[in-house]
Amino acid sequence: MDAVALALDTGSLPLRRRREGAGSVTLVGGGPGDPGLLTVRARQLLAGADVVVRDRLAPQVELPPDVEVVDVGKIPGGPSYDQRAIEALLIERARAGQRVVRLKGGDVHVFGRGIEEVAACVEAGVPVEVVPGVSSAFSVPAYAGIPVTARGVTQSVSVVSAHLPPGHPGSTVDWDALAKLKGTLVLLMGVERLTAVCAALVAGGRPGSTPVAVIRNGTLPTQTVAYGTLDTAGDLDVRAPSVVVIGEVVEARIP
């Protein structure tokens, strides 16, 4: 068996390709973007894969040349690969005897629809494994010098998907309850709804002077951070992919 290194900017481990045995699916959390934040287990699986089915925000890694890469990234406001089609692809490839790595951004089960893909594989009788990843909810603020909790500042943090705006009938988020909390609030998928979210929090009782940080392309060389408050964040020039941090911890940041 030939040894093939999985090359990453941050170094490499001696890894070997393995092709024997039945097909399987492994859902891998790829972390927030920097390939150096992939776990050791994730790197091993990527090096031994026959096919990598990757999301748009999954880290860019250099794979052995015979690894097939299928990009199923979903573009906000643009064409998207149907979720059921992704599940069917995973099952089809595994049944063909391939080792399939489903590479996701962040952690598999943090707003990543990972449980749906696991359930589909289980129902189809396909061996499936989950490898957790570093969540962008905590790592991106850390890279920007912002602690999501800090002694004497806050003892709690809430992570919320803002994919649906406040007041949307499909949303299960209680924005009034979040507004009454004194802890940190981290929003994922919230840039397009930032104005509405800030307004809802202020309406629920959170002071308009509460600091806000919007971190774009977190952990990557292109990372930028914009600062404001609940009263002014809607006027910031920000774009996805971004992580939004709301709370006094923003003022505790280390530049």
Protein backbone atom coordinates (compact mmCIF):
# COMPACT_ATOMS: atom_id res chain seq x y z
CA MET A 1 0.00 0.00 0.00
CA ASP A 2 1.52 3.32 -1.05
CA ALA A 3 1.72 6.08 1.51
CA VAL A 4 0.13 9.30 0.39
CA ALA A 5 0.39 12.46 2.48
CA LEU A 6 -2.57 14.75 2.79
CA ALA A 7 -0.97 18.15 2.23
CA LEU A 8 -2.15 21.06 4.31
CA ASP A 9 -0.68 24.51 4.78
CA THR A 10 -0.16 23.79 8.45
CA GLY A 11 1.80 20.56 8.02
CA SER A 12 1.10 16.93 7.31
CA LEU A 13 0.78 13.54 8.93
CA PRO A 14 1.95 10.23 7.45
CA LEU A 15 -1.31 8.82 6.15
CA ARG A 16 -2.12 5.80 4.01
CA ARG A 17 -4.88 5.20 1.50
CA ARG A 18 -7.21 2.31 2.34
CA ARG A 19 -9.59 0.92 -0.24
CA GLU A 20 -10.42 -2.54 1.06
CA GLY A 21 -13.77 -3.39 2.63
CA ALA A 22 -17.38 -2.35 2.18
CA GLY A 23 -18.53 1.14 1.38
CA SER A 24 -19.38 3.61 4.13
CA VAL A 25 -20.27 7.24 4.82
CA THR A 26 -18.52 9.47 7.33
CA LEU A 27 -19.85 12.93 8.11
CA VAL A 28 -16.86 15.12 8.94
CA GLY A 29 -16.97 18.55 10.54
CA GLY A 30 -14.33 20.56 8.69
CA GLY A 31 -14.11 23.49 11.09
CA PRO A 32 -14.49 27.20 10.35
CA GLY A 33 -12.26 27.44 7.27
CA ASP A 34 -8.58 27.24 8.18
CA PRO A 35 -7.44 23.73 7.15
CA GLY A 36 -5.20 23.67 10.21
CA LEU A 37 -8.31 23.37 12.36
CA LEU A 38 -9.26 20.01 10.87
CA THR A 39 -9.04 17.26 13.47
CA VAL A 40 -6.49 14.46 13.10
CA ARG A 41 -9.33 12.00 12.50
CA ALA A 42 -10.76 14.22 9.76
CA ARG A 43 -7.39 14.33 7.98
CA GLN A 44 -7.05 10.56 8.15
CA LEU A 45 -10.49 10.03 6.65
CA LEU A 46 -9.94 12.55 3.87
CA ALA A 47 -6.70 10.83 2.89
CA GLY A 48 -8.45 7.46 2.75
CA ALA A 49 -11.59 8.55 0.90
CA ASP A 50 -12.70 7.47 -2.54
CA VAL A 51 -15.02 10.45 -2.86
CA VAL A 52 -15.42 13.68 -0.86
CA VAL A 53 -18.84 15.33 -0.97
CA ARG A 54 -18.16 18.87 0.21
CA ASP A 55 -20.17 21.87 1.29
CA ARG A 56 -19.47 25.41 0.09
CA LEU A 57 -17.97 26.52 3.41
CA ALA A 58 -15.92 23.38 4.02
CA PRO A 59 -12.15 24.01 4.19
CA GLN A 60 -10.11 23.85 1.00
CA VAL A 61 -7.72 20.93 1.40
CA GLU A 62 -5.30 19.36 -1.04
CA LEU A 63 -6.32 15.75 -1.55
CA PRO A 64 -4.60 12.79 -3.23
CA PRO A 65 -5.14 13.10 -7.01
CA ASP A 66 -7.38 10.04 -7.29
CA VAL A 67 -9.93 11.29 -4.74
CA GLU A 68 -13.10 12.43 -6.48
CA VAL A 69 -14.59 15.67 -5.15
CA VAL A 70 -18.29 16.41 -5.55
CA ASP A 71 -19.26 19.98 -4.66
CA VAL A 72 -22.81 20.19 -3.32
CA GLY A 73 -22.49 23.65 -1.79
CA LYS A 74 -25.64 25.66 -1.28
CA ILE A 75 -25.34 29.30 -2.32
CA PRO A 76 -27.52 31.75 -0.34
CA GLY A 77 -30.10 33.17 -2.70
CA GLY A 78 -28.74 31.05 -5.55
CA PRO A 79 -29.10 27.54 -6.92
CA SER A 80 -28.87 24.83 -4.29
CA TYR A 81 -28.23 21.11 -4.40
CA ASP A 82 -31.39 19.43 -3.12
CA GLN A 83 -30.93 17.90 0.35
CA ARG A 84 -32.63 14.65 -0.62
CA ALA A 85 -30.37 14.44 -3.68
CA ILE A 86 -27.31 14.79 -1.43
CA GLU A 87 -28.55 11.95 0.76
CA ALA A 88 -29.23 9.78 -2.28
CA LEU A 89 -25.72 10.47 -3.59
CA LEU A 90 -24.11 9.41 -0.30
CA ILE A 91 -26.09 6.18 -0.22
CA GLU A 92 -25.50 5.38 -3.90
CA ARG A 93 -21.73 5.79 -3.61
CA ALA A 94 -21.50 3.80 -0.38
CA ARG A 95 -23.53 0.96 -1.88
CA ALA A 96 -21.08 0.95 -4.79
CA GLY A 97 -18.36 0.10 -2.27
CA GLN A 98 -16.81 3.56 -1.96
CA ARG A 99 -15.54 5.24 1.20
CA VAL A 100 -17.51 8.48 1.22
CA VAL A 101 -16.52 11.52 3.28
CA ARG A 102 -19.24 14.13 3.62
CA LEU A 103 -17.19 17.23 4.42
CA LYS A 104 -19.13 20.01 6.13
CA GLY A 105 -18.14 23.42 7.43
CA GLY A 106 -17.94 23.88 11.20
CA ASP A 107 -19.43 21.03 13.20
CA VAL A 108 -21.64 18.36 11.65
CA HIS A 109 -24.60 18.93 13.94
CA VAL A 110 -24.55 22.72 14.38
CA PHE A 111 -27.13 23.95 11.84
CA GLY A 112 -25.68 21.56 9.26
CA ARG A 113 -28.57 19.14 8.59
CA GLY A 114 -26.20 16.39 9.59
CA ILE A 115 -28.82 14.39 11.45
CA GLU A 116 -30.92 14.14 8.29
CA GLU A 117 -28.01 12.59 6.40
CA VAL A 118 -27.23 10.22 9.25
CA ALA A 119 -30.87 9.13 9.41
CA ALA A 120 -30.99 8.55 5.64
CA CYS A 121 -27.90 6.33 5.78
CA VAL A 122 -29.22 4.36 8.76
CA GLU A 123 -32.56 3.82 7.03
CA ALA A 124 -30.74 2.63 3.90
CA GLY A 125 -28.57 0.23 5.90
CA VAL A 126 -25.36 2.08 5.03
CA PRO A 127 -22.60 2.20 7.68
CA VAL A 128 -22.29 5.79 8.87
CA GLU A 129 -20.02 7.60 11.32
CA VAL A 130 -19.91 11.17 12.61
CA VAL A 131 -16.63 13.01 13.26
CA PRO A 132 -17.21 16.30 15.12
CA GLY A 133 -15.56 19.49 13.96
CA VAL A 134 -14.56 22.83 15.45
CA SER A 135 -17.66 25.01 15.42
CA SER A 136 -17.40 28.46 13.88
CA ALA A 137 -19.68 29.75 16.64
CA PHE A 138 -16.77 29.69 19.10
CA SER A 139 -13.62 29.51 16.99
CA VAL A 140 -14.34 32.50 14.74
CA PRO A 141 -14.86 34.92 17.64
CA ALA A 142 -11.71 33.51 19.28
CA TYR A 143 -9.68 34.24 16.13
CA ALA A 144 -11.03 37.79 16.22
CA GLY A 145 -9.88 38.18 19.83
CA ILE A 146 -13.39 37.99 21.25
CA PRO A 147 -14.09 35.55 24.12
CA VAL A 148 -17.69 34.33 24.02
CA THR A 149 -17.59 34.17 27.82
CA ALA A 150 -15.39 36.13 30.22
CA ARG A 151 -15.20 36.19 34.00
CA GLY A 152 -16.95 39.24 35.34
CA VAL A 153 -18.61 39.93 31.98
CA THR A 154 -20.91 37.02 31.17
CA GLN A 155 -21.38 33.42 32.23
CA SER A 156 -23.53 32.23 29.34
CA VAL A 157 -23.61 32.10 25.57
CA SER A 158 -26.45 31.28 23.17
CA VAL A 159 -25.88 30.14 19.59
CA VAL A 160 -28.76 30.91 17.25
CA SER A 161 -29.52 30.37 13.60
CA ALA A 162 -30.88 33.55 12.05
CA HIS A 163 -31.68 31.84 8.77
CA LEU A 164 -35.30 32.85 9.37
CA PRO A 165 -36.05 36.41 10.53
CA PRO A 166 -37.90 37.28 13.74
CA GLY A 167 -41.61 36.85 13.26
CA HIS A 168 -41.29 34.22 10.55
CA PRO A 169 -43.90 31.49 11.12
CA GLY A 170 -41.27 28.78 10.63
CA SER A 171 -38.88 30.19 13.24
CA THR A 172 -38.62 28.48 16.63
CA VAL A 173 -36.37 31.20 18.12
CA ASP A 174 -37.84 33.18 21.03
CA TRP A 175 -36.23 36.56 20.37
CA ASP A 176 -38.00 38.20 23.30
CA ALA A 177 -36.49 35.64 25.67
CA LEU A 178 -33.04 36.11 24.15
CA ALA A 179 -33.37 39.87 24.53
CA LYS A 180 -33.89 39.48 28.28
CA LEU A 181 -30.73 37.39 28.73
CA LYS A 182 -27.51 39.12 29.75
CA GLY A 183 -25.21 36.60 28.08
CA THR A 184 -23.47 36.53 24.73
CA LEU A 185 -25.48 35.89 21.60
CA VAL A 186 -23.77 34.33 18.58
CA LEU A 187 -25.67 34.40 15.29
CA LEU A 188 -24.93 32.07 12.41
CA MET A 189 -26.43 32.70 8.97
CA GLY A 190 -27.59 36.08 10.22
CA VAL A 191 -26.11 38.77 7.99
CA GLU A 192 -29.14 39.23 5.75
CA ARG A 193 -31.44 39.37 8.77
CA LEU A 194 -29.15 41.47 10.98
CA THR A 195 -31.28 44.62 10.90
CA ALA A 196 -34.44 42.70 11.82
CA VAL A 197 -32.66 40.74 14.56
CA CYS A 198 -31.19 43.88 16.14
CA ALA A 199 -34.58 45.56 16.07
CA ALA A 200 -36.24 42.54 17.69
CA LEU A 201 -33.65 42.41 20.47
CA VAL A 202 -34.04 46.12 21.21
CA ALA A 203 -37.83 45.77 21.15
CA GLY A 204 -37.48 42.92 23.64
CA GLY A 205 -35.51 45.05 26.08
CA ARG A 206 -31.86 44.65 25.14
CA PRO A 207 -30.14 48.08 25.23
CA GLY A 208 -29.49 49.60 21.82
CA SER A 209 -25.93 50.34 22.99
CA THR A 210 -25.11 46.60 23.25
CA PRO A 211 -21.88 45.98 21.29
CA VAL A 212 -21.98 43.94 18.07
CA ALA A 213 -19.14 42.42 16.03
CA VAL A 214 -19.57 40.95 12.55
CA ILE A 215 -16.69 38.65 11.58
CA ARG A 216 -16.43 37.74 7.91
CA ASN A 217 -14.31 34.85 6.56
CA GLY A 218 -13.30 33.93 10.08
CA THR A 219 -9.94 32.14 10.59
CA LEU A 220 -8.90 32.81 6.98
CA PRO A 221 -6.31 35.33 5.74
CA THR A 222 -9.20 37.40 4.36
CA GLN A 223 -10.89 37.74 7.78
CA THR A 224 -12.40 41.15 8.51
CA VAL A 225 -14.29 42.46 11.53
CA ALA A 226 -16.87 45.25 11.63
CA TYR A 227 -18.04 46.75 14.93
CA GLY A 228 -21.22 48.51 15.93
CA THR A 229 -24.12 48.32 18.37
CA LEU A 230 -27.64 46.99 18.17
CA ASP A 231 -28.69 50.49 17.12
CA THR A 232 -26.10 50.78 14.35
CA ALA A 233 -25.25 47.24 13.20
CA GLY A 234 -27.87 47.34 10.47
CA ASP A 235 -25.87 50.09 8.76
CA LEU A 236 -22.64 48.10 8.65
CA ASP A 237 -21.36 47.04 5.23
CA VAL A 238 -21.19 43.28 5.85
CA ARG A 239 -21.60 40.16 3.74
CA ALA A 240 -21.80 36.41 4.21
CA PRO A 241 -20.22 34.22 5.37
CA SER A 242 -20.09 35.98 8.70
CA VAL A 243 -20.48 35.20 12.38
CA VAL A 244 -22.21 37.85 14.48
CA VAL A 245 -21.35 38.31 18.16
CA ILE A 246 -23.69 40.38 20.34
CA GLY A 247 -22.87 41.28 23.92
CA GLU A 248 -20.46 42.98 26.27
CA VAL A 249 -17.73 40.44 25.45
CA VAL A 250 -17.14 42.40 22.24
CA GLU A 251 -15.71 45.18 24.41
CA ALA A 252 -13.49 42.62 26.18
CA ARG A 253 -11.74 41.73 22.94
CA ILE A 254 -7.98 41.66 22.60
CA PRO A 255 -7.00 43.51 19.36
